[in-house]
Amino acid sequence: MKIREKEFEEIIEDLKSIAAQLGAKVRFEKGDFAGGYCIINEDKVIVINKMANLQRKVMILSAALKELGVDEIYLSPRIREIIDEMADIK
């Protein structure tokens, strides 16, 4: 699948809303880490390095959402395809 650079921001917003639907908070933090899904004080959190490029942010969010279980909810075919492909790249 070919994704244009300007589409990544919209995809990130879509993925953030899916994370919220699954009860997870998405945080963009600065630091020396790759990012991913974790549980902090019983809260589901997806931490993403804000210095990462847009494609990397989508990859991290996609992998975290797969870990949270997006198979249980409805996603548009395009978003499901993006999550499947990008999560596998990570």
PDB file of N, CA and C in Angstrom:
ATOM      1  N   MET A   1       0.844  -1.174   0.000  1.00  0.00           N
ATOM      2  CA  MET A   1       0.000   0.000   0.000  1.00  0.00           C
ATOM      3  C   MET A   1       0.890   1.238   0.000  1.00  0.00           C
ATOM      4  N   LYS A   2       0.532   2.170  -0.814  1.00  0.00           N
ATOM      5  CA  LYS A   2       1.290   3.424  -0.907  1.00  0.00           C
ATOM      6  C   LYS A   2       0.550   4.497  -0.118  1.00  0.00           C
ATOM      7  N   ILE A   3       1.243   5.103   0.835  1.00  0.00           N
ATOM      8  CA  ILE A   3       0.659   6.178   1.634  1.00  0.00           C
ATOM      9  C   ILE A   3       1.472   7.431   1.374  1.00  0.00           C
ATOM     10  N   ARG A   4       0.777   8.494   0.992  1.00  0.00           N
ATOM     11  CA  ARG A   4       1.468   9.758   0.759  1.00  0.00           C
ATOM     12  C   ARG A   4       1.809  10.401   2.094  1.00  0.00           C
ATOM     13  N   GLU A   5       2.878  11.170   2.091  1.00  0.00           N
ATOM     14  CA  GLU A   5       3.390  11.799   3.316  1.00  0.00           C
ATOM     15  C   GLU A   5       2.315  12.614   4.039  1.00  0.00           C
ATOM     16  N   LYS A   6       1.528  13.367   3.283  1.00  0.00           N
ATOM     17  CA  LYS A   6       0.521  14.227   3.929  1.00  0.00           C
ATOM     18  C   LYS A   6      -0.639  13.431   4.518  1.00  0.00           C
ATOM     19  N   GLU A   7      -0.784  12.154   4.151  1.00  0.00           N
ATOM     20  CA  GLU A   7      -1.846  11.316   4.707  1.00  0.00           C
ATOM     21  C   GLU A   7      -1.512  10.815   6.114  1.00  0.00           C
ATOM     22  N   PHE A   8      -0.233  10.770   6.455  1.00  0.00           N
ATOM     23  CA  PHE A   8       0.175  10.201   7.740  1.00  0.00           C
ATOM     24  C   PHE A   8      -0.441  10.929   8.929  1.00  0.00           C
ATOM     25  N   GLU A   9      -0.540  12.249   8.874  1.00  0.00           N
ATOM     26  CA  GLU A   9      -1.123  12.997  10.005  1.00  0.00           C
ATOM     27  C   GLU A   9      -2.578  12.609  10.226  1.00  0.00           C
ATOM     28  N   GLU A  10      -3.331  12.462   9.141  1.00  0.00           N
ATOM     29  CA  GLU A  10      -4.735  12.057   9.247  1.00  0.00           C
ATOM     30  C   GLU A  10      -4.838  10.626   9.793  1.00  0.00           C
ATOM     31  N   ILE A  11      -3.957   9.755   9.337  1.00  0.00           N
ATOM     32  CA  ILE A  11      -3.944   8.372   9.817  1.00  0.00           C
ATOM     33  C   ILE A  11      -3.630   8.336  11.309  1.00  0.00           C
ATOM     34  N   ILE A  12      -2.681   9.152  11.750  1.00  0.00           N
ATOM     35  CA  ILE A  12      -2.344   9.209  13.176  1.00  0.00           C
ATOM     36  C   ILE A  12      -3.564   9.619  13.995  1.00  0.00           C
ATOM     37  N   GLU A  13      -4.306  10.599  13.530  1.00  0.00           N
ATOM     38  CA  GLU A  13      -5.521  11.028  14.242  1.00  0.00           C
ATOM     39  C   GLU A  13      -6.547   9.897  14.307  1.00  0.00           C
ATOM     40  N   ASP A  14      -6.714   9.170  13.189  1.00  0.00           N
ATOM     41  CA  ASP A  14      -7.646   8.028  13.176  1.00  0.00           C
ATOM     42  C   ASP A  14      -7.203   6.961  14.170  1.00  0.00           C
ATOM     43  N   LEU A  15      -5.901   6.669  14.192  1.00  0.00           N
ATOM     44  CA  LEU A  15      -5.391   5.650  15.100  1.00  0.00           C
ATOM     45  C   LEU A  15      -5.516   6.078  16.561  1.00  0.00           C
ATOM     46  N   LYS A  16      -5.314   7.365  16.823  1.00  0.00           N
ATOM     47  CA  LYS A  16      -5.486   7.878  18.197  1.00  0.00           C
ATOM     48  C   LYS A  16      -6.936   7.714  18.658  1.00  0.00           C
ATOM     49  N   SER A  17      -7.895   7.932  17.768  1.00  0.00           N
ATOM     50  CA  SER A  17      -9.294   7.774  18.166  1.00  0.00           C
ATOM     51  C   SER A  17      -9.635   6.301  18.393  1.00  0.00           C
ATOM     52  N   ILE A  18      -9.020   5.407  17.639  1.00  0.00           N
ATOM     53  CA  ILE A  18      -9.215   3.970  17.874  1.00  0.00           C
ATOM     54  C   ILE A  18      -8.633   3.586  19.229  1.00  0.00           C
ATOM     55  N   ALA A  19      -7.466   4.125  19.555  1.00  0.00           N
ATOM     56  CA  ALA A  19      -6.852   3.856  20.861  1.00  0.00           C
ATOM     57  C   ALA A  19      -7.782   4.317  21.987  1.00  0.00           C
ATOM     58  N   ALA A  20      -8.367   5.490  21.833  1.00  0.00           N
ATOM     59  CA  ALA A  20      -9.294   6.003  22.848  1.00  0.00           C
ATOM     60  C   ALA A  20     -10.502   5.084  22.975  1.00  0.00           C
ATOM     61  N   GLN A  21     -10.983   4.587  21.851  1.00  0.00           N
ATOM     62  CA  GLN A  21     -12.117   3.669  21.846  1.00  0.00           C
ATOM     63  C   GLN A  21     -11.777   2.388  22.615  1.00  0.00           C
ATOM     64  N   LEU A  22     -10.518   1.988  22.561  1.00  0.00           N
ATOM     65  CA  LEU A  22     -10.065   0.792  23.275  1.00  0.00           C
ATOM     66  C   LEU A  22      -9.626   1.095  24.713  1.00  0.00           C
ATOM     67  N   GLY A  23      -9.776   2.341  25.126  1.00  0.00           N
ATOM     68  CA  GLY A  23      -9.461   2.716  26.500  1.00  0.00           C
ATOM     69  C   GLY A  23      -8.000   3.015  26.758  1.00  0.00           C
ATOM     70  N   ALA A  24      -7.250   3.323  25.699  1.00  0.00           N
ATOM     71  CA  ALA A  24      -5.825   3.620  25.860  1.00  0.00           C
ATOM     72  C   ALA A  24      -5.555   5.095  25.596  1.00  0.00           C
ATOM     73  N   LYS A  25      -4.631   5.642  26.355  1.00  0.00           N
ATOM     74  CA  LYS A  25      -4.182   7.013  26.139  1.00  0.00           C
ATOM     75  C   LYS A  25      -2.955   6.984  25.247  1.00  0.00           C
ATOM     76  N   VAL A  26      -2.858   7.954  24.346  1.00  0.00           N
ATOM     77  CA  VAL A  26      -1.683   8.068  23.490  1.00  0.00           C
ATOM     78  C   VAL A  26      -0.892   9.274  23.953  1.00  0.00           C
ATOM     79  N   ARG A  27       0.390   9.044  24.248  1.00  0.00           N
ATOM     80  CA  ARG A  27       1.248  10.135  24.710  1.00  0.00           C
ATOM     81  C   ARG A  27       2.461  10.247  23.796  1.00  0.00           C
ATOM     82  N   PHE A  28       2.760  11.473  23.393  1.00  0.00           N
ATOM     83  CA  PHE A  28       3.947  11.748  22.594  1.00  0.00           C
ATOM     84  C   PHE A  28       4.960  12.398  23.524  1.00  0.00           C
ATOM     85  N   GLU A  29       6.057  11.695  23.762  1.00  0.00           N
ATOM     86  CA  GLU A  29       7.064  12.147  24.712  1.00  0.00           C
ATOM     87  C   GLU A  29       8.420  12.251  24.033  1.00  0.00           C
ATOM     88  N   LYS A  30       9.270  13.064  24.603  1.00  0.00           N
ATOM     89  CA  LYS A  30      10.625  13.239  24.096  1.00  0.00           C
ATOM     90  C   LYS A  30      11.558  12.360  24.912  1.00  0.00           C
ATOM     91  N   GLY A  31      12.464  11.646  24.238  1.00  0.00           N
ATOM     92  CA  GLY A  31      13.409  10.813  24.961  1.00  0.00           C
ATOM     93  C   GLY A  31      14.089   9.821  24.051  1.00  0.00           C
ATOM     94  N   ASP A  32      14.880   8.962  24.647  1.00  0.00           N
ATOM     95  CA  ASP A  32      15.640   7.959  23.914  1.00  0.00           C
ATOM     96  C   ASP A  32      14.956   6.603  24.090  1.00  0.00           C
ATOM     97  N   PHE A  33      13.868   6.385  23.367  1.00  0.00           N
ATOM     98  CA  PHE A  33      13.125   5.131  23.447  1.00  0.00           C
ATOM     99  C   PHE A  33      12.391   4.906  22.130  1.00  0.00           C
ATOM    100  N   ALA A  34      12.008   3.666  21.887  1.00  0.00           N
ATOM    101  CA  ALA A  34      11.316   3.325  20.644  1.00  0.00           C
ATOM    102  C   ALA A  34       9.826   3.630  20.745  1.00  0.00           C
ATOM    103  N   GLY A  35       9.228   3.309  21.875  1.00  0.00           N
ATOM    104  CA  GLY A  35       7.801   3.540  22.059  1.00  0.00           C
ATOM    105  C   GLY A  35       7.025   2.249  21.955  1.00  0.00           C
ATOM    106  N   GLY A  36       5.760   2.310  22.367  1.00  0.00           N
ATOM    107  CA  GLY A  36       4.890   1.147  22.297  1.00  0.00           C
ATOM    108  C   GLY A  36       3.833   1.173  23.377  1.00  0.00           C
ATOM    109  N   TYR A  37       3.171   0.036  23.538  1.00  0.00           N
ATOM    110  CA  TYR A  37       2.071  -0.111  24.486  1.00  0.00           C
ATOM    111  C   TYR A  37       2.590  -0.561  25.842  1.00  0.00           C
ATOM    112  N   CYS A  38       2.043   0.037  26.892  1.00  0.00           N
ATOM    113  CA  CYS A  38       2.388  -0.390  28.239  1.00  0.00           C
ATOM    114  C   CYS A  38       1.234  -0.070  29.184  1.00  0.00           C
ATOM    115  N   ILE A  39       1.337  -0.548  30.390  1.00  0.00           N
ATOM    116  CA  ILE A  39       0.335  -0.252  31.421  1.00  0.00           C
ATOM    117  C   ILE A  39       1.039   0.504  32.532  1.00  0.00           C
ATOM    118  N   ILE A  40       0.516   1.693  32.848  1.00  0.00           N
ATOM    119  CA  ILE A  40       1.087   2.528  33.900  1.00  0.00           C
ATOM    120  C   ILE A  40      -0.011   2.787  34.925  1.00  0.00           C
ATOM    121  N   ASN A  41       0.195   2.320  36.143  1.00  0.00           N
ATOM    122  CA  ASN A  41      -0.806   2.488  37.205  1.00  0.00           C
ATOM    123  C   ASN A  41      -2.198   2.058  36.748  1.00  0.00           C
ATOM    124  N   GLU A  42      -2.267   0.884  36.126  1.00  0.00           N
ATOM    125  CA  GLU A  42      -3.505   0.289  35.643  1.00  0.00           C
ATOM    126  C   GLU A  42      -4.132   1.015  34.447  1.00  0.00           C
ATOM    127  N   ASP A  43      -3.463   2.032  33.905  1.00  0.00           N
ATOM    128  CA  ASP A  43      -3.950   2.729  32.713  1.00  0.00           C
ATOM    129  C   ASP A  43      -3.230   2.185  31.484  1.00  0.00           C
ATOM    130  N   LYS A  44      -3.996   1.955  30.411  1.00  0.00           N
ATOM    131  CA  LYS A  44      -3.396   1.551  29.142  1.00  0.00           C
ATOM    132  C   LYS A  44      -2.814   2.791  28.482  1.00  0.00           C
ATOM    133  N   VAL A  45      -1.547   2.722  28.142  1.00  0.00           N
ATOM    134  CA  VAL A  45      -0.861   3.877  27.568  1.00  0.00           C
ATOM    135  C   VAL A  45      -0.038   3.433  26.356  1.00  0.00           C
ATOM    136  N   ILE A  46      -0.113   4.226  25.298  1.00  0.00           N
ATOM    137  CA  ILE A  46       0.749   4.034  24.139  1.00  0.00           C
ATOM    138  C   ILE A  46       1.677   5.239  24.110  1.00  0.00           C
ATOM    139  N   VAL A  47       2.961   4.981  24.285  1.00  0.00           N
ATOM    140  CA  VAL A  47       3.942   6.059  24.321  1.00  0.00           C
ATOM    141  C   VAL A  47       4.693   6.072  22.995  1.00  0.00           C
ATOM    142  N   ILE A  48       4.776   7.252  22.394  1.00  0.00           N
ATOM    143  CA  ILE A  48       5.439   7.411  21.106  1.00  0.00           C
ATOM    144  C   ILE A  48       6.469   8.516  21.225  1.00  0.00           C
ATOM    145  N   ASN A  49       7.646   8.271  20.701  1.00  0.00           N
ATOM    146  CA  ASN A  49       8.689   9.284  20.700  1.00  0.00           C
ATOM    147  C   ASN A  49       8.278  10.396  19.742  1.00  0.00           C
ATOM    148  N   LYS A  50       8.109  11.594  20.276  1.00  0.00           N
ATOM    149  CA  LYS A  50       7.626  12.689  19.430  1.00  0.00           C
ATOM    150  C   LYS A  50       8.657  13.163  18.421  1.00  0.00           C
ATOM    151  N   MET A  51       9.893  12.702  18.562  1.00  0.00           N
ATOM    152  CA  MET A  51      10.932  13.055  17.601  1.00  0.00           C
ATOM    153  C   MET A  51      10.960  12.093  16.405  1.00  0.00           C
ATOM    154  N   ALA A  52      10.181  11.014  16.474  1.00  0.00           N
ATOM    155  CA  ALA A  52      10.127  10.044  15.377  1.00  0.00           C
ATOM    156  C   ALA A  52       9.416  10.660  14.173  1.00  0.00           C
ATOM    157  N   ASN A  53       9.723  10.156  12.980  1.00  0.00           N
ATOM    158  CA  ASN A  53       9.030  10.660  11.792  1.00  0.00           C
ATOM    159  C   ASN A  53       7.598  10.116  11.769  1.00  0.00           C
ATOM    160  N   LEU A  54       6.777  10.671  10.910  1.00  0.00           N
ATOM    161  CA  LEU A  54       5.353  10.313  10.880  1.00  0.00           C
ATOM    162  C   LEU A  54       5.134   8.835  10.585  1.00  0.00           C
ATOM    163  N   GLN A  55       5.894   8.281   9.662  1.00  0.00           N
ATOM    164  CA  GLN A  55       5.723   6.869   9.326  1.00  0.00           C
ATOM    165  C   GLN A  55       6.041   5.991  10.537  1.00  0.00           C
ATOM    166  N   ARG A  56       7.089   6.315  11.261  1.00  0.00           N
ATOM    167  CA  ARG A  56       7.455   5.543  12.451  1.00  0.00           C
ATOM    168  C   ARG A  56       6.363   5.641  13.521  1.00  0.00           C
ATOM    169  N   LYS A  57       5.771   6.823  13.671  1.00  0.00           N
ATOM    170  CA  LYS A  57       4.677   6.993  14.637  1.00  0.00           C
ATOM    171  C   LYS A  57       3.500   6.095  14.274  1.00  0.00           C
ATOM    172  N   VAL A  58       3.174   6.028  12.978  1.00  0.00           N
ATOM    173  CA  VAL A  58       2.079   5.164  12.526  1.00  0.00           C
ATOM    174  C   VAL A  58       2.424   3.699  12.788  1.00  0.00           C
ATOM    175  N   MET A  59       3.667   3.320  12.554  1.00  0.00           N
ATOM    176  CA  MET A  59       4.097   1.940  12.795  1.00  0.00           C
ATOM    177  C   MET A  59       3.950   1.568  14.274  1.00  0.00           C
ATOM    178  N   ILE A  60       4.383   2.446  15.153  1.00  0.00           N
ATOM    179  CA  ILE A  60       4.306   2.177  16.594  1.00  0.00           C
ATOM    180  C   ILE A  60       2.850   2.108  17.050  1.00  0.00           C
ATOM    181  N   LEU A  61       2.047   3.067  16.598  1.00  0.00           N
ATOM    182  CA  LEU A  61       0.625   3.065  16.958  1.00  0.00           C
ATOM    183  C   LEU A  61      -0.068   1.811  16.438  1.00  0.00           C
ATOM    184  N   SER A  62       0.232   1.424  15.218  1.00  0.00           N
ATOM    185  CA  SER A  62      -0.389   0.236  14.626  1.00  0.00           C
ATOM    186  C   SER A  62      -0.049  -1.021  15.416  1.00  0.00           C
ATOM    187  N   ALA A  63       1.227  -1.192  15.760  1.00  0.00           N
ATOM    188  CA  ALA A  63       1.647  -2.362  16.528  1.00  0.00           C
ATOM    189  C   ALA A  63       0.974  -2.380  17.900  1.00  0.00           C
ATOM    190  N   ALA A  64       0.885  -1.224  18.528  1.00  0.00           N
ATOM    191  CA  ALA A  64       0.255  -1.142  19.854  1.00  0.00           C
ATOM    192  C   ALA A  64      -1.232  -1.470  19.767  1.00  0.00           C
ATOM    193  N   LEU A  65      -1.894  -0.994  18.731  1.00  0.00           N
ATOM    194  CA  LEU A  65      -3.325  -1.267  18.576  1.00  0.00           C
ATOM    195  C   LEU A  65      -3.575  -2.748  18.320  1.00  0.00           C
ATOM    196  N   LYS A  66      -2.701  -3.382  17.553  1.00  0.00           N
ATOM    197  CA  LYS A  66      -2.842  -4.832  17.347  1.00  0.00           C
ATOM    198  C   LYS A  66      -2.696  -5.568  18.671  1.00  0.00           C
ATOM    199  N   GLU A  67      -1.772  -5.101  19.491  1.00  0.00           N
ATOM    200  CA  GLU A  67      -1.562  -5.715  20.803  1.00  0.00           C
ATOM    201  C   GLU A  67      -2.783  -5.522  21.701  1.00  0.00           C
ATOM    202  N   LEU A  68      -3.447  -4.386  21.562  1.00  0.00           N
ATOM    203  CA  LEU A  68      -4.649  -4.104  22.353  1.00  0.00           C
ATOM    204  C   LEU A  68      -5.852  -4.910  21.879  1.00  0.00           C
ATOM    205  N   GLY A  69      -5.838  -5.359  20.621  1.00  0.00           N
ATOM    206  CA  GLY A  69      -6.931  -6.196  20.120  1.00  0.00           C
ATOM    207  C   GLY A  69      -7.935  -5.472  19.252  1.00  0.00           C
ATOM    208  N   VAL A  70      -7.502  -4.981  18.118  1.00  0.00           N
ATOM    209  CA  VAL A  70      -8.433  -4.292  17.207  1.00  0.00           C
ATOM    210  C   VAL A  70      -9.303  -5.264  16.423  1.00  0.00           C
ATOM    211  N   ASP A  71      -9.043  -6.558  16.537  1.00  0.00           N
ATOM    212  CA  ASP A  71      -9.852  -7.539  15.820  1.00  0.00           C
ATOM    213  C   ASP A  71     -11.287  -7.561  16.329  1.00  0.00           C
ATOM    214  N   GLU A  72     -11.484  -7.087  17.528  1.00  0.00           N
ATOM    215  CA  GLU A  72     -12.805  -7.134  18.162  1.00  0.00           C
ATOM    216  C   GLU A  72     -13.719  -5.977  17.768  1.00  0.00           C
ATOM    217  N   ILE A  73     -13.179  -4.940  17.114  1.00  0.00           N
ATOM    218  CA  ILE A  73     -13.986  -3.761  16.796  1.00  0.00           C
ATOM    219  C   ILE A  73     -14.029  -3.518  15.288  1.00  0.00           C
ATOM    220  N   TYR A  74     -15.039  -2.750  14.864  1.00  0.00           N
ATOM    221  CA  TYR A  74     -15.138  -2.422  13.448  1.00  0.00           C
ATOM    222  C   TYR A  74     -14.120  -1.343  13.092  1.00  0.00           C
ATOM    223  N   LEU A  75     -13.398  -1.575  12.014  1.00  0.00           N
ATOM    224  CA  LEU A  75     -12.491  -0.577  11.450  1.00  0.00           C
ATOM    225  C   LEU A  75     -12.759  -0.526   9.955  1.00  0.00           C
ATOM    226  N   SER A  76     -12.600   0.644   9.376  1.00  0.00           N
ATOM    227  CA  SER A  76     -12.744   0.733   7.922  1.00  0.00           C
ATOM    228  C   SER A  76     -11.695  -0.181   7.289  1.00  0.00           C
ATOM    229  N   PRO A  77     -11.989  -0.736   6.126  1.00  0.00           N
ATOM    230  CA  PRO A  77     -11.017  -1.632   5.489  1.00  0.00           C
ATOM    231  C   PRO A  77      -9.649  -0.981   5.289  1.00  0.00           C
ATOM    232  N   ARG A  78      -9.618   0.300   4.935  1.00  0.00           N
ATOM    233  CA  ARG A  78      -8.339   0.982   4.722  1.00  0.00           C
ATOM    234  C   ARG A  78      -7.535   1.065   6.021  1.00  0.00           C
ATOM    235  N   ILE A  79      -8.170   1.457   7.119  1.00  0.00           N
ATOM    236  CA  ILE A  79      -7.470   1.562   8.408  1.00  0.00           C
ATOM    237  C   ILE A  79      -7.000   0.183   8.869  1.00  0.00           C
ATOM    238  N   ARG A  80      -7.840  -0.846   8.692  1.00  0.00           N
ATOM    239  CA  ARG A  80      -7.431  -2.203   9.083  1.00  0.00           C
ATOM    240  C   ARG A  80      -6.208  -2.648   8.271  1.00  0.00           C
ATOM    241  N   GLU A  81      -6.207  -2.338   6.981  1.00  0.00           N
ATOM    242  CA  GLU A  81      -5.075  -2.693   6.126  1.00  0.00           C
ATOM    243  C   GLU A  81      -3.805  -1.954   6.558  1.00  0.00           C
ATOM    244  N   ILE A  82      -3.964  -0.665   6.894  1.00  0.00           N
ATOM    245  CA  ILE A  82      -2.816   0.126   7.362  1.00  0.00           C
ATOM    246  C   ILE A  82      -2.259  -0.469   8.648  1.00  0.00           C
ATOM    247  N   ILE A  83      -3.134  -0.781   9.587  1.00  0.00           N
ATOM    248  CA  ILE A  83      -2.681  -1.354  10.871  1.00  0.00           C
ATOM    249  C   ILE A  83      -1.969  -2.682  10.633  1.00  0.00           C
ATOM    250  N   ASP A  84      -2.555  -3.547   9.805  1.00  0.00           N
ATOM    251  CA  ASP A  84      -1.930  -4.851   9.545  1.00  0.00           C
ATOM    252  C   ASP A  84      -0.565  -4.701   8.906  1.00  0.00           C
ATOM    253  N   GLU A  85      -0.463  -3.860   7.890  1.00  0.00           N
ATOM    254  CA  GLU A  85       0.807  -3.697   7.176  1.00  0.00           C
ATOM    255  C   GLU A  85       1.860  -2.980   8.009  1.00  0.00           C
ATOM    256  N   MET A  86       1.477  -1.890   8.654  1.00  0.00           N
ATOM    257  CA  MET A  86       2.449  -1.096   9.397  1.00  0.00           C
ATOM    258  C   MET A  86       2.921  -1.812  10.654  1.00  0.00           C
ATOM    259  N   ALA A  87       2.053  -2.562  11.312  1.00  0.00           N
ATOM    260  CA  ALA A  87       2.446  -3.287  12.523  1.00  0.00           C
ATOM    261  C   ALA A  87       3.470  -4.369  12.199  1.00  0.00           C
ATOM    262  N   ASP A  88       3.365  -4.946  11.009  1.00  0.00           N
ATOM    263  CA  ASP A  88       4.295  -6.004  10.622  1.00  0.00           C
ATOM    264  C   ASP A  88       5.683  -5.454  10.277  1.00  0.00           C
ATOM    265  N   ILE A  89       5.761  -4.197   9.873  1.00  0.00           N
ATOM    266  CA  ILE A  89       7.041  -3.580   9.522  1.00  0.00           C
ATOM    267  C   ILE A  89       7.898  -3.378  10.766  1.00  0.00           C
ATOM    268  N   LYS A  90       7.250  -3.007  11.866  1.00  0.00           N
ATOM    269  CA  LYS A  90       7.948  -2.698  13.109  1.00  0.00           C
ATOM    270  C   LYS A  90       8.886  -3.793  13.459  1.00  0.00           C
TER     271      LYS A  90
END
